[in-house]
Protein backbone atom coordinates (compact mmCIF):
# COMPACT_ATOMS: atom_id res chain seq x y z
CA UNK A 1 21.16 4.45 -38.06
CA UNK A 2 23.17 4.01 -34.92
CA UNK A 3 25.39 6.81 -33.75
CA UNK A 4 28.92 5.82 -32.87
CA UNK A 5 29.30 8.03 -29.81
CA UNK A 6 26.98 9.33 -27.14
CA UNK A 7 29.00 12.52 -26.79
CA UNK A 8 30.29 15.06 -29.28
CA UNK A 9 34.03 15.37 -29.89
CA UNK A 10 34.15 18.43 -27.60
CA UNK A 11 32.26 16.62 -24.86
CA UNK A 12 34.54 13.58 -25.12
CA UNK A 13 37.56 15.89 -24.82
CA UNK A 14 36.09 17.50 -21.69
CA UNK A 15 34.98 14.31 -19.91
CA UNK A 16 38.41 13.10 -18.66
CA UNK A 17 39.10 16.54 -17.13
CA UNK A 18 35.68 16.54 -15.50
CA UNK A 19 36.28 13.05 -14.10
CA UNK A 20 39.60 14.21 -12.60
CA UNK A 21 37.96 17.37 -11.23
CA UNK A 22 35.15 15.59 -9.37
CA UNK A 23 36.84 12.30 -8.52
CA UNK A 24 34.41 9.99 -6.77
CA UNK A 25 32.58 12.84 -5.05
CA UNK A 26 29.92 12.99 -7.77
CA UNK A 27 28.50 10.70 -10.42
CA UNK A 28 28.59 12.18 -13.92
CA UNK A 29 25.50 11.81 -16.11
CA UNK A 30 25.98 12.65 -19.78
CA UNK A 31 23.56 13.99 -22.39
CA UNK A 32 20.75 14.34 -19.87
CA UNK A 33 17.26 15.38 -20.95
CA UNK A 34 16.42 18.74 -19.41
CA UNK A 35 13.02 17.27 -18.51
CA UNK A 36 14.82 14.76 -16.26
CA UNK A 37 16.29 17.64 -14.26
CA UNK A 38 13.54 20.27 -14.16
CA UNK A 39 9.82 20.47 -14.80
CA UNK A 40 7.13 23.13 -14.79
CA UNK A 41 3.55 23.61 -13.64
CA UNK A 42 0.62 22.60 -15.85
CA UNK A 43 -0.06 26.28 -16.45
CA UNK A 44 3.52 26.91 -17.60
CA UNK A 45 3.37 23.77 -19.72
CA UNK A 46 0.30 25.09 -21.52
CA UNK A 47 2.05 28.47 -21.92
CA UNK A 48 4.66 26.66 -24.04
CA UNK A 49 7.49 26.07 -21.58
CA UNK A 50 6.89 22.32 -21.25
CA UNK A 51 7.67 21.51 -24.88
CA UNK A 52 10.78 23.68 -24.67
CA UNK A 53 11.93 21.79 -21.58
CA UNK A 54 11.14 18.44 -23.23
CA UNK A 55 13.13 19.22 -26.36
CA UNK A 56 16.44 20.16 -24.77
CA UNK A 57 19.30 18.35 -23.13
CA UNK A 58 22.17 19.18 -20.83
CA UNK A 59 25.74 18.14 -21.60
CA UNK A 60 26.56 16.87 -18.10
CA UNK A 61 24.84 16.65 -14.74
CA UNK A 62 26.66 15.95 -11.51
CA UNK A 63 24.73 14.08 -8.86
CA UNK A 64 25.30 12.40 -5.52
CA UNK A 65 26.66 8.91 -6.33
CA UNK A 66 24.39 7.10 -3.89
CA UNK A 67 21.16 9.08 -3.90
CA UNK A 68 21.35 10.58 -7.42
CA UNK A 69 20.44 13.97 -5.90
CA UNK A 70 21.07 16.53 -8.63
CA UNK A 71 23.94 18.86 -7.69
CA UNK A 72 24.87 20.91 -10.76
CA UNK A 73 24.49 20.89 -14.52
CA UNK A 74 27.32 21.69 -16.93
CA UNK A 75 27.04 23.08 -20.43
CA UNK A 76 29.95 23.30 -22.80
CA UNK A 77 29.79 26.41 -24.92
CA UNK A 78 31.40 26.09 -28.32
CA UNK A 79 31.57 28.85 -30.95
CA UNK A 80 28.02 28.04 -32.16
CA UNK A 81 26.69 29.53 -28.93
CA UNK A 82 27.26 32.93 -30.52
CA UNK A 83 24.59 32.25 -33.15
CA UNK A 84 21.17 33.86 -32.63
CA UNK A 85 19.22 30.62 -32.19
CA UNK A 86 21.79 29.26 -29.73
CA UNK A 87 21.78 32.46 -27.73
CA UNK A 88 18.00 32.20 -27.44
CA UNK A 89 18.31 28.59 -26.29
CA UNK A 90 21.01 29.56 -23.77
CA UNK A 91 18.89 32.38 -22.34
CA UNK A 92 15.93 30.01 -21.98
CA UNK A 93 18.13 27.35 -20.35
CA UNK A 94 19.76 29.83 -17.97
CA UNK A 95 16.40 31.23 -16.92
CA UNK A 96 14.75 27.82 -16.57
CA UNK A 97 17.56 26.38 -14.49
CA UNK A 98 17.65 29.49 -12.26
CA UNK A 99 13.86 29.35 -11.78
CA UNK A 100 14.11 25.67 -10.81
CA UNK A 101 17.02 26.35 -8.45
CA UNK A 102 19.48 24.06 -10.22
CA UNK A 103 22.97 25.53 -10.62
CA UNK A 104 24.26 25.65 -14.18
CA UNK A 105 27.94 26.04 -15.02
CA UNK A 106 28.97 27.13 -18.49
CA UNK A 107 32.45 26.18 -19.68
CA UNK A 108 34.00 27.30 -22.96
CA UNK A 109 35.18 24.42 -25.15
CA UNK A 110 38.93 24.10 -25.46
CA UNK A 111 41.58 21.79 -26.83
CA UNK A 112 42.67 21.05 -23.26
CA UNK A 113 41.12 21.72 -19.86
CA UNK A 114 42.58 22.88 -16.58
CA UNK A 115 41.29 20.48 -13.94
CA UNK A 116 41.97 22.93 -11.10
CA UNK A 117 40.00 25.63 -12.95
CA UNK A 118 37.05 23.28 -13.33
CA UNK A 119 37.24 22.47 -9.60
CA UNK A 120 37.29 26.17 -8.72
CA UNK A 121 34.32 26.94 -10.97
CA UNK A 122 32.27 24.09 -9.52
CA UNK A 123 33.22 25.01 -5.94
CA UNK A 124 32.21 28.64 -6.52
CA UNK A 125 28.81 27.70 -7.93
CA UNK A 126 28.16 25.12 -5.20
CA UNK A 127 29.17 27.59 -2.50
CA UNK A 128 26.67 30.12 -3.88
CA UNK A 129 23.98 27.42 -3.91
CA UNK A 130 24.69 26.45 -0.32
CA UNK A 131 24.38 30.09 0.77
CA UNK A 132 20.82 30.19 -0.56
CA UNK A 133 19.65 26.89 0.89
């Protein structure tokens, strides 16, 4: 059957604030396969990391609007992220993104979002990334 929406209710609530926060500086990709953002060596694939990468997705990815260069990924953390299986997924995702050198921002879900706070969080993460490049 066809799903009505690409995004969850929480993601749809967050999207307008994210759009305001980034303006036209970045393109926003939604529900992006993790395998479209990172990959691993054949050896790591055989060790079981490849299927884990292939089976996950990121809530949002910001990229350069002209080149599509990946800038930062964003995950919305709702209350289910406190469950054991979600915590394991989050640890894997955090470690994989760090190993690949792709910044990941985690934002708690909310009824409303502070655009300036999102801008500050993104600026902080991108500033850290630029220091290491």
